[in-house]
Amino acid sequence: MHATTAQSQAKPHSHQHRGPRTPAAAQSASAAKPRLYNPRHPERTLLYRTISENFETWLELASAGQFDGQGDHHTPRSYVRQAFRKYLECGIFAHGFARAWCVDCGHDYFVAYSCKGRGVCPSCNTRRMVETAAHLTDHVFPRLPIRQWVLSIPKRLRYFMQRDGTVLGMVLRIFLRVIEQSLHQRCPGAAQVDKSARHIGAVAFIHRFGSSLNEHVHFHVCVVDGVFEVEQGEADAVATAPGVIYGAPKLRFHPVAGIDETAVAQVQADLRRHILRAFVGRGLLESCEAKEMLGYKHSGFSVDAGVRIEAHDRTALERLLRYCARPPFAMDRLRKEGAELVYRCAKQHSEPVGSKVAELVLTPLELIDRIAALVPPPRTHRHRYFGVLAPNSPLRASVTAMAAPAQQASVQTGGKSTRARARLGWCLMAMRSAVVPSCHSQPSPIRPSAHRRTTCGRF
């Protein structure tokens, strides 16, 4: 291995030669306090060390049935093993890096490749969360009130949803249909509008996890708090309001009069009845069992719609979307006490514990086993679009154009629309996360100037 190669992998450094600085220049640089890019060094984190030291042991024991008692019938799936092994290479310069260059001053540095995983890597999970929230805020959700609906169902039914994607999709469609019926009933302005001309818009997030690193399938659905009406005719001129484009249907928005506790209780009762009927129809539940569950005082069905974001508050909307797109666990809640690991389940240290478990005390093997159970299967969407926000909806272009401010409303010609990129560039995503990837106090364009991938140090 060449000496320069080992040095570049051990510590990323700048290639800009600087002369001695005067005291005035040093004082000016100190006052500016630029926020430079710093490699994250995942190998120094507690989670990385735990997985790197215990993953192979866990894999051998899990394949032998030490955790579930099923032996080779429950050997960890290939995508779970791949997620862990890719995480152990994520952010490590020995497994490849890119060389970034500042167009303003010529300063350059190295950025290690990421694994782009969805279940284990905290860095890639956070990037996906920030990216999803930014895309939905900037290019999808119109500047209208947004309400979050949350549905949780009994553990007896979660089992089927956790293991059968068809059942999960069925429950989600029932949830959206009941929400749509509730919005139609509570929109006075759309009472005389034909049912076929009324539409809702929603984005559903599928959560397969709970706050205590447990398997808990439930839904967070962000719904435009009202109903869209399709007006007759097409727009033949550019309107001043955002979102009106050439050749697209004209829409009128009817806000909801109000969603109170009575309305939420009615939605919950309707959901319980429809979901149990659907499970009986599929043969997953006996009719006598469904009738018994309908009579429970605490049935396990829970619906919440208390979070509503006003039309002008885009910062709160992006914060809500980050919460909905959050990863299964947070690395800053994990700490080590002796030979055991402690994971805090509550969101903040100031929250009261109540009846819930405040902290989990786990061995390293138990932590890896819990994380492995939360790795999502490949080729499954973690959020889905419905109504006018669906990809194949003819009204999507008109609605998503309302996401831009009035002075930046896009104008399309010939009925064609330009699709916004769902993936942010590395520099833009870093700036969105309050990190300035630059050698200045103000962000400046960063370009990748070279790429190197290596496994043995030679390139």
Protein backbone atom coordinates (compact mmCIF):
# COMPACT_ATOMS: atom_id res chain seq x y z
CA MET A 1 0.00 0.00 0.00
CA HIS A 2 1.30 3.40 -0.91
CA ALA A 3 1.94 5.84 1.91
CA THR A 4 -0.25 8.51 0.35
CA THR A 5 -3.08 6.03 -0.01
CA ALA A 6 -2.97 5.00 3.63
CA GLN A 7 -2.87 8.60 4.73
CA SER A 8 -5.83 9.59 2.58
CA GLN A 9 -7.88 6.72 3.97
CA ALA A 10 -6.91 7.30 7.57
CA LYS A 11 -7.75 10.98 7.62
CA PRO A 12 -9.45 13.02 4.87
CA HIS A 13 -7.59 16.24 4.30
CA SER A 14 -7.59 19.32 2.14
CA HIS A 15 -5.36 19.75 -0.91
CA GLN A 16 -5.34 23.53 -0.76
CA HIS A 17 -1.93 25.00 0.12
CA ARG A 18 -2.15 27.93 2.50
CA GLY A 19 0.53 30.35 3.52
CA PRO A 20 1.07 31.84 6.97
CA ARG A 21 -1.84 33.96 8.15
CA THR A 22 -1.54 37.38 9.69
CA PRO A 23 -3.08 38.08 13.13
CA ALA A 24 -5.82 40.16 11.48
CA ALA A 25 -6.69 37.33 9.12
CA ALA A 26 -6.73 34.85 11.97
CA GLN A 27 -9.04 37.10 14.00
CA SER A 28 -11.37 37.54 11.02
CA ALA A 29 -11.50 33.78 10.43
CA SER A 30 -12.24 33.18 14.09
CA ALA A 31 -15.07 35.71 14.07
CA ALA A 32 -16.68 34.16 10.99
CA LYS A 33 -16.69 30.65 12.49
CA PRO A 34 -17.45 28.80 9.25
CA ARG A 35 -19.25 25.49 9.57
CA LEU A 36 -17.02 23.03 7.78
CA TYR A 37 -17.92 19.53 6.67
CA ASN A 38 -16.65 16.90 9.09
CA PRO A 39 -16.70 13.17 8.34
CA ARG A 40 -19.11 11.37 10.64
CA HIS A 41 -16.76 8.44 11.47
CA PRO A 42 -19.40 5.75 12.13
CA GLU A 43 -16.76 3.37 13.47
CA ARG A 44 -16.57 5.53 16.61
CA THR A 45 -20.27 5.17 17.46
CA LEU A 46 -21.66 2.73 20.01
CA LEU A 47 -24.06 1.17 17.51
CA TYR A 48 -21.34 0.44 14.95
CA ARG A 49 -19.04 -1.11 17.52
CA THR A 50 -21.86 -3.24 18.88
CA ILE A 51 -22.84 -4.59 15.47
CA SER A 52 -19.30 -5.12 14.22
CA GLU A 53 -18.34 -7.09 17.33
CA ASN A 54 -21.51 -9.19 17.70
CA PHE A 55 -23.18 -9.52 14.29
CA GLU A 56 -21.57 -12.80 13.24
CA THR A 57 -22.32 -14.33 16.66
CA TRP A 58 -25.95 -13.23 16.43
CA LEU A 59 -26.24 -14.59 12.88
CA GLU A 60 -24.96 -18.00 13.95
CA LEU A 61 -27.26 -18.16 16.97
CA ALA A 62 -30.30 -16.88 15.06
CA SER A 63 -29.75 -19.46 12.32
CA ALA A 64 -29.66 -22.17 14.99
CA GLY A 65 -32.95 -20.98 16.49
CA GLN A 66 -31.57 -19.49 19.70
CA PHE A 67 -33.87 -16.43 19.48
CA ASP A 68 -37.10 -17.80 18.00
CA GLY A 69 -36.77 -21.53 18.62
CA GLN A 70 -37.49 -22.37 14.98
CA GLY A 71 -34.04 -23.43 13.82
CA ASP A 72 -33.23 -23.13 10.13
CA HIS A 73 -36.86 -22.38 9.30
CA HIS A 74 -36.33 -18.85 10.62
CA THR A 75 -32.78 -18.16 9.47
CA PRO A 76 -32.43 -14.36 9.01
CA ARG A 77 -33.44 -13.43 5.49
CA SER A 78 -30.87 -12.42 2.92
CA TYR A 79 -31.98 -8.77 2.82
CA VAL A 80 -31.54 -8.53 6.61
CA ARG A 81 -28.01 -9.93 6.44
CA GLN A 82 -27.20 -7.62 3.54
CA ALA A 83 -28.50 -4.56 5.41
CA PHE A 84 -26.17 -5.21 8.35
CA ARG A 85 -23.13 -5.94 6.18
CA LYS A 86 -23.69 -2.84 4.04
CA TYR A 87 -24.00 -0.74 7.19
CA LEU A 88 -20.59 -1.94 8.36
CA GLU A 89 -19.14 -0.47 5.14
CA CYS A 90 -21.15 2.77 5.16
CA GLY A 91 -19.04 5.87 5.73
CA ILE A 92 -15.78 3.90 5.82
CA PHE A 93 -13.17 5.40 3.48
CA ALA A 94 -11.57 2.01 2.84
CA HIS A 95 -14.75 0.97 0.98
CA GLY A 96 -14.83 3.92 -1.40
CA PHE A 97 -15.11 7.69 -1.38
CA ALA A 98 -15.74 10.73 -3.57
CA ARG A 99 -13.64 13.86 -3.80
CA ALA A 100 -15.69 17.06 -3.46
CA TRP A 101 -14.45 20.42 -4.73
CA CYS A 102 -15.60 23.98 -3.93
CA VAL A 103 -16.02 26.07 -7.09
CA ASP A 104 -15.33 29.32 -5.20
CA CYS A 105 -11.97 28.74 -3.57
CA GLY A 106 -10.79 25.37 -4.84
CA HIS A 107 -10.94 23.72 -1.43
CA ASP A 108 -11.56 19.96 -1.72
CA TYR A 109 -12.00 17.03 0.60
CA PHE A 110 -13.15 13.42 0.67
CA VAL A 111 -16.67 12.10 1.31
CA ALA A 112 -17.09 8.39 2.01
CA TYR A 113 -19.73 6.42 0.14
CA SER A 114 -22.97 5.53 1.92
CA CYS A 115 -24.82 2.22 1.95
CA LYS A 116 -28.23 3.77 1.10
CA GLY A 117 -29.92 1.21 3.32
CA ARG A 118 -33.42 1.48 4.76
CA GLY A 119 -33.32 -0.41 8.03
CA VAL A 120 -30.02 -0.35 9.96
CA CYS A 121 -27.87 2.64 9.03
CA PRO A 122 -28.86 5.75 11.08
CA SER A 123 -27.18 8.12 8.62
CA CYS A 124 -28.92 6.78 5.51
CA ASN A 125 -32.22 6.52 7.36
CA THR A 126 -31.94 10.16 8.40
CA ARG A 127 -31.08 11.25 4.88
CA ARG A 128 -34.12 9.40 3.54
CA MET A 129 -36.28 11.07 6.20
CA VAL A 130 -35.01 14.58 5.36
CA GLU A 131 -35.24 13.91 1.62
CA THR A 132 -38.81 12.61 1.78
CA ALA A 133 -40.05 15.49 3.93
CA ALA A 134 -38.35 18.10 1.73
CA HIS A 135 -39.78 16.62 -1.48
CA LEU A 136 -43.32 16.39 -0.12
CA THR A 137 -43.18 19.92 1.29
CA ASP A 138 -41.68 21.58 -1.79
CA HIS A 139 -43.30 19.66 -4.62
CA VAL A 140 -46.31 17.62 -3.48
CA PHE A 141 -48.49 19.05 -0.72
CA PRO A 142 -50.40 22.20 -1.75
CA ARG A 143 -50.40 25.29 0.45
CA LEU A 144 -53.58 24.20 2.20
CA PRO A 145 -54.33 22.91 5.70
CA ILE A 146 -52.98 19.40 6.36
CA ARG A 147 -54.26 17.04 9.05
CA GLN A 148 -52.54 13.91 10.36
CA TRP A 149 -54.68 10.81 10.93
CA VAL A 150 -53.16 7.93 12.92
CA LEU A 151 -54.62 4.43 13.07
CA SER A 152 -53.58 1.60 15.39
CA ILE A 153 -55.39 -1.74 15.46
CA PRO A 154 -55.44 -4.64 17.98
CA LYS A 155 -52.44 -6.93 18.30
CA ARG A 156 -54.59 -9.85 17.24
CA LEU A 157 -54.94 -8.31 13.77
CA ARG A 158 -51.45 -6.84 13.50
CA TYR A 159 -50.03 -10.32 13.13
CA PHE A 160 -51.66 -10.74 9.70
CA MET A 161 -50.68 -7.23 8.57
CA GLN A 162 -47.07 -7.78 9.59
CA ARG A 163 -46.74 -10.93 7.49
CA ASP A 164 -49.11 -10.33 4.56
CA GLY A 165 -48.74 -7.20 2.45
CA THR A 166 -52.16 -7.79 0.86
CA VAL A 167 -53.89 -7.60 4.23
CA LEU A 168 -51.91 -4.48 5.13
CA GLY A 169 -52.98 -2.78 1.90
CA MET A 170 -56.59 -3.79 2.50
CA VAL A 171 -56.65 -2.16 5.95
CA LEU A 172 -54.99 0.99 4.61
CA ARG A 173 -57.58 1.33 1.82
CA ILE A 174 -60.40 0.94 4.34
CA PHE A 175 -58.82 3.66 6.47
CA LEU A 176 -58.58 6.06 3.53
CA ARG A 177 -62.14 5.31 2.42
CA VAL A 178 -63.57 6.05 5.87
CA ILE A 179 -61.54 9.30 6.09
CA GLU A 180 -62.87 10.32 2.68
CA GLN A 181 -66.46 9.70 3.76
CA SER A 182 -65.90 11.77 6.90
CA LEU A 183 -64.45 14.70 4.92
CA HIS A 184 -67.33 14.62 2.44
CA GLN A 185 -69.86 14.79 5.29
CA ARG A 186 -68.11 17.76 6.93
CA CYS A 187 -67.54 19.99 3.90
CA PRO A 188 -70.56 22.33 3.71
CA GLY A 189 -69.33 23.92 0.50
CA ALA A 190 -69.26 20.59 -1.31
CA ALA A 191 -72.63 19.31 -0.08
CA GLN A 192 -74.31 19.96 -3.45
CA VAL A 193 -71.40 18.72 -5.53
CA ASP A 194 -71.71 15.40 -7.30
CA LYS A 195 -69.83 12.62 -5.52
CA SER A 196 -67.80 11.75 -8.61
CA ALA A 197 -66.44 15.31 -8.76
CA ARG A 198 -65.19 15.35 -5.15
CA HIS A 199 -61.66 14.15 -4.41
CA ILE A 200 -59.25 14.08 -1.48
CA GLY A 201 -55.46 14.05 -1.40
CA ALA A 202 -53.36 12.04 1.04
CA VAL A 203 -49.95 10.51 1.66
CA ALA A 204 -49.88 7.43 3.92
CA PHE A 205 -46.81 6.37 5.88
CA ILE A 206 -46.60 2.72 6.92
CA HIS A 207 -44.85 2.24 10.25
CA ARG A 208 -43.79 -1.29 11.14
CA PHE A 209 -42.24 -0.35 14.48
CA GLY A 210 -43.05 1.08 17.87
CA SER A 211 -41.12 3.37 20.21
CA SER A 212 -39.67 0.44 22.16
CA LEU A 213 -38.01 -1.30 19.18
CA ASN A 214 -41.00 -3.61 18.83
CA GLU A 215 -42.98 -4.75 15.81
CA HIS A 216 -46.05 -2.54 15.67
CA VAL A 217 -47.77 -1.97 12.32
CA HIS A 218 -49.77 1.25 12.22
CA PHE A 219 -50.45 4.13 9.84
CA HIS A 220 -49.74 7.87 9.77
CA VAL A 221 -51.75 9.53 7.02
CA CYS A 222 -51.31 13.20 6.11
CA VAL A 223 -54.51 14.39 4.42
CA VAL A 224 -55.32 17.71 2.83
CA ASP A 225 -58.00 18.96 5.23
CA GLY A 226 -60.79 19.40 2.73
CA VAL A 227 -62.24 18.27 -0.59
CA PHE A 228 -61.27 19.21 -4.15
CA GLU A 229 -64.03 19.86 -6.66
CA VAL A 230 -63.42 19.51 -10.39
CA GLU A 231 -64.99 22.45 -12.17
CA GLN A 232 -66.31 22.26 -15.71
CA GLY A 233 -64.04 23.46 -18.51
CA GLU A 234 -60.29 23.92 -18.73
CA ALA A 235 -58.03 26.80 -17.89
CA ASP A 236 -57.28 28.86 -20.98
CA ALA A 237 -55.17 31.51 -19.25
CA VAL A 238 -52.68 31.71 -16.42
CA ALA A 239 -54.40 32.58 -13.14
CA THR A 240 -52.78 34.57 -10.36
CA ALA A 241 -53.37 31.88 -7.74
CA PRO A 242 -50.71 29.21 -7.50
CA GLY A 243 -51.31 25.88 -9.08
CA VAL A 244 -53.37 26.75 -12.18
CA ILE A 245 -51.66 25.53 -15.33
CA TYR A 246 -52.53 25.39 -19.01
CA GLY A 247 -54.54 22.42 -20.25
CA ALA A 248 -55.31 21.00 -16.80
CA PRO A 249 -58.70 20.75 -15.06
CA LYS A 250 -59.62 23.65 -12.81
CA LEU A 251 -60.08 22.79 -9.15
CA ARG A 252 -61.92 24.42 -6.29
CA PHE A 253 -61.01 23.58 -2.70
CA HIS A 254 -63.66 23.22 0.00
CA PRO A 255 -62.19 23.23 3.55
CA VAL A 256 -63.57 21.03 6.29
CA ALA A 257 -65.84 22.76 8.78
CA GLY A 258 -64.17 21.04 11.73
CA ILE A 259 -63.01 17.66 12.98
CA ASP A 260 -63.94 17.30 16.65
CA GLU A 261 -63.87 14.38 19.07
CA THR A 262 -67.31 13.24 17.95
CA ALA A 263 -66.17 13.01 14.33
CA VAL A 264 -63.03 11.06 15.30
CA ALA A 265 -65.08 8.68 17.45
CA GLN A 266 -67.43 8.07 14.52
CA VAL A 267 -64.47 7.32 12.23
CA GLN A 268 -63.07 4.89 14.79
CA ALA A 269 -66.40 3.07 15.13
CA ASP A 270 -66.80 2.79 11.36
CA LEU A 271 -63.24 1.53 10.98
CA ARG A 272 -63.68 -1.13 13.63
CA ARG A 273 -66.80 -2.44 11.93
CA HIS A 274 -65.39 -2.40 8.37
CA ILE A 275 -61.98 -3.88 9.27
CA LEU A 276 -63.45 -6.75 11.29
CA ARG A 277 -65.88 -7.50 8.48
CA ALA A 278 -62.99 -7.58 5.99
CA PHE A 279 -60.99 -9.98 8.18
CA VAL A 280 -64.00 -12.29 8.46
CA GLY A 281 -64.47 -12.16 4.70
CA ARG A 282 -60.88 -13.28 4.14
CA GLY A 283 -61.22 -16.15 6.58
CA LEU A 284 -58.69 -14.70 9.00
CA LEU A 285 -61.23 -14.29 11.79
CA GLU A 286 -64.35 -16.17 12.81
CA SER A 287 -67.62 -14.25 12.78
CA CYS A 288 -68.24 -15.05 16.45
CA GLU A 289 -64.79 -13.65 17.32
CA ALA A 290 -65.46 -10.47 15.34
CA LYS A 291 -68.82 -10.03 17.09
CA GLU A 292 -67.10 -10.47 20.44
CA MET A 293 -64.45 -7.85 19.54
CA LEU A 294 -67.19 -5.40 18.54
CA GLY A 295 -68.54 -5.60 22.09
CA TYR A 296 -65.24 -4.80 23.80
CA LYS A 297 -65.13 -1.53 25.68
CA HIS A 298 -61.44 -1.19 24.85
CA SER A 299 -61.27 -2.84 21.46
CA GLY A 300 -57.66 -1.94 20.58
CA PHE A 301 -58.68 0.29 17.68
CA SER A 302 -57.32 3.79 18.09
CA VAL A 303 -57.74 6.81 15.80
CA ASP A 304 -56.17 10.21 16.39
CA ALA A 305 -56.60 13.36 14.29
CA GLY A 306 -55.47 16.06 16.69
CA VAL A 307 -52.54 17.41 14.64
CA ARG A 308 -53.46 20.03 12.04
CA ILE A 309 -51.01 22.22 10.14
CA GLU A 310 -52.15 25.58 8.81
CA ALA A 311 -51.69 26.41 5.15
CA HIS A 312 -48.96 29.02 5.67
CA ASP A 313 -46.84 27.04 8.15
CA ARG A 314 -44.58 25.07 5.80
CA THR A 315 -41.90 24.68 8.46
CA ALA A 316 -44.33 22.84 10.74
CA LEU A 317 -45.46 20.72 7.79
CA GLU A 318 -41.92 19.62 7.04
CA ARG A 319 -41.38 18.86 10.73
CA LEU A 320 -44.53 16.71 10.76
CA LEU A 321 -43.45 14.88 7.60
CA ARG A 322 -40.05 14.16 9.12
CA TYR A 323 -41.82 12.65 12.08
CA CYS A 324 -43.96 10.49 9.79
CA ALA A 325 -40.92 9.39 7.75
CA ARG A 326 -38.68 8.79 10.76
CA PRO A 327 -36.52 5.63 11.03
CA PRO A 328 -37.28 2.76 13.45
CA PHE A 329 -34.78 3.86 16.10
CA ALA A 330 -32.68 6.83 17.15
CA MET A 331 -28.99 6.34 17.85
CA ASP A 332 -28.85 9.18 20.38
CA ARG A 333 -31.20 7.24 22.69
CA LEU A 334 -28.71 4.40 22.98
CA ARG A 335 -26.10 4.34 25.71
CA LYS A 336 -23.94 1.75 27.43
CA GLU A 337 -23.97 0.89 31.12
CA GLY A 338 -21.41 -1.73 31.97
CA ALA A 339 -21.83 -4.74 29.72
CA GLU A 340 -25.44 -3.91 28.83
CA LEU A 341 -27.05 -1.42 26.48
CA VAL A 342 -29.84 0.93 27.53
CA TYR A 343 -32.31 2.31 24.98
CA ARG A 344 -34.65 5.10 26.03
CA CYS A 345 -38.16 4.65 24.64
CA ALA A 346 -39.58 8.09 25.52
CA LYS A 347 -39.01 10.95 23.11
CA GLN A 348 -37.38 13.29 25.60
CA HIS A 349 -35.79 12.90 29.01
CA SER A 350 -38.27 15.37 30.50
CA GLU A 351 -41.31 13.30 29.60
CA PRO A 352 -43.08 11.45 32.42
CA VAL A 353 -42.81 7.70 32.29
CA GLY A 354 -46.40 6.83 33.13
CA SER A 355 -47.40 3.24 32.52
CA LYS A 356 -45.04 2.74 29.58
CA VAL A 357 -41.57 1.28 29.79
CA ALA A 358 -39.17 4.20 29.99
CA GLU A 359 -35.98 2.29 29.09
CA LEU A 360 -35.00 -1.04 27.64
CA VAL A 361 -32.01 -2.89 29.05
CA LEU A 362 -30.64 -5.17 26.34
CA THR A 363 -27.62 -7.28 25.64
CA PRO A 364 -25.80 -6.59 22.37
CA LEU A 365 -27.31 -9.71 20.80
CA GLU A 366 -30.82 -8.71 21.87
CA LEU A 367 -30.35 -5.24 20.37
CA ILE A 368 -29.23 -6.68 17.03
CA ASP A 369 -32.16 -9.11 17.04
CA ARG A 370 -34.67 -6.30 17.62
CA ILE A 371 -33.17 -4.14 14.87
CA ALA A 372 -33.18 -7.11 12.47
CA ALA A 373 -36.92 -7.60 13.00
CA LEU A 374 -37.54 -3.97 11.95
CA VAL A 375 -35.64 -4.06 8.64
CA PRO A 376 -38.31 -3.48 5.96
CA PRO A 377 -38.53 -6.02 3.14
CA PRO A 378 -37.13 -4.92 -0.24
CA ARG A 379 -39.28 -3.43 -2.99
CA THR A 380 -41.98 -2.28 -0.59
CA HIS A 381 -43.05 1.34 -0.36
CA ARG A 382 -42.81 3.03 3.01
CA HIS A 383 -45.25 5.75 1.96
CA ARG A 384 -48.04 5.76 -0.61
CA TYR A 385 -50.01 8.45 -2.45
CA PHE A 386 -53.80 8.56 -2.68
CA GLY A 387 -56.52 10.61 -4.34
CA VAL A 388 -55.43 13.65 -6.32
CA LEU A 389 -51.84 13.09 -5.16
CA ALA A 390 -51.65 9.61 -6.69
CA PRO A 391 -49.09 9.34 -9.53
CA ASN A 392 -51.70 8.33 -12.12
CA SER A 393 -54.29 10.94 -11.12
CA PRO A 394 -55.12 13.42 -13.92
CA LEU A 395 -55.52 16.10 -11.24
CA ARG A 396 -52.07 15.65 -9.68
CA ALA A 397 -50.38 18.34 -11.81
CA SER A 398 -52.95 20.96 -10.81
CA VAL A 399 -52.73 20.11 -7.10
CA THR A 400 -48.96 19.76 -6.78
CA ALA A 401 -48.49 23.09 -8.57
CA MET A 402 -50.08 24.68 -5.51
CA ALA A 403 -47.04 23.65 -3.47
CA ALA A 404 -45.02 26.53 -4.94
CA PRO A 405 -45.46 30.10 -3.66
CA ALA A 406 -47.67 32.42 -5.70
CA GLN A 407 -44.74 34.22 -7.28
CA GLN A 408 -43.12 30.91 -8.23
CA ALA A 409 -46.19 29.12 -9.58
CA SER A 410 -45.11 26.98 -12.47
CA VAL A 411 -46.66 27.49 -15.89
CA GLN A 412 -46.88 24.46 -18.19
CA THR A 413 -47.79 24.50 -21.84
CA GLY A 414 -49.50 21.90 -23.94
CA GLY A 415 -50.85 20.06 -20.91
CA LYS A 416 -47.39 18.73 -20.03
CA SER A 417 -45.86 19.02 -16.59
CA THR A 418 -42.28 18.77 -15.43
CA ARG A 419 -41.79 16.17 -12.75
CA ALA A 420 -39.77 17.33 -9.76
CA ARG A 421 -36.84 15.26 -8.64
CA ALA A 422 -37.66 13.24 -5.54
CA ARG A 423 -34.00 12.91 -4.57
CA LEU A 424 -31.99 15.87 -3.33
CA GLY A 425 -28.37 16.30 -4.25
CA TRP A 426 -25.77 15.72 -1.55
CA CYS A 427 -25.00 19.42 -1.12
CA LEU A 428 -28.65 20.52 -1.04
CA MET A 429 -29.59 17.80 1.42
CA ALA A 430 -26.72 18.78 3.72
CA MET A 431 -27.83 22.42 3.67
CA ARG A 432 -31.42 21.31 4.38
CA SER A 433 -30.09 19.53 7.47
CA ALA A 434 -28.46 22.74 8.77
CA VAL A 435 -24.96 21.61 7.74
CA VAL A 436 -23.05 23.88 5.37
CA PRO A 437 -20.81 21.62 3.22
CA SER A 438 -18.40 24.39 2.38
CA CYS A 439 -15.29 26.14 3.53
CA HIS A 440 -17.23 29.42 3.89
CA SER A 441 -19.74 30.73 6.40
CA GLN A 442 -22.25 30.86 3.52
CA PRO A 443 -23.08 27.82 1.41
CA SER A 444 -21.49 27.61 -2.02
CA PRO A 445 -21.74 25.01 -4.76
CA ILE A 446 -19.83 21.79 -4.18
CA ARG A 447 -18.98 19.49 -7.06
CA PRO A 448 -17.72 15.91 -6.98
CA SER A 449 -14.40 16.05 -8.80
CA ALA A 450 -13.34 12.39 -8.59
CA HIS A 451 -14.54 9.03 -7.39
CA ARG A 452 -12.49 6.24 -5.87
CA ARG A 453 -13.74 2.82 -4.84
CA THR A 454 -11.38 0.31 -3.29
CA THR A 455 -11.39 -2.65 -0.95
CA CYS A 456 -7.67 -3.15 -0.46
CA GLY A 457 -6.26 0.39 -0.47
CA ARG A 458 -5.05 0.40 -4.11
CA PHE A 459 -6.73 2.58 -6.71
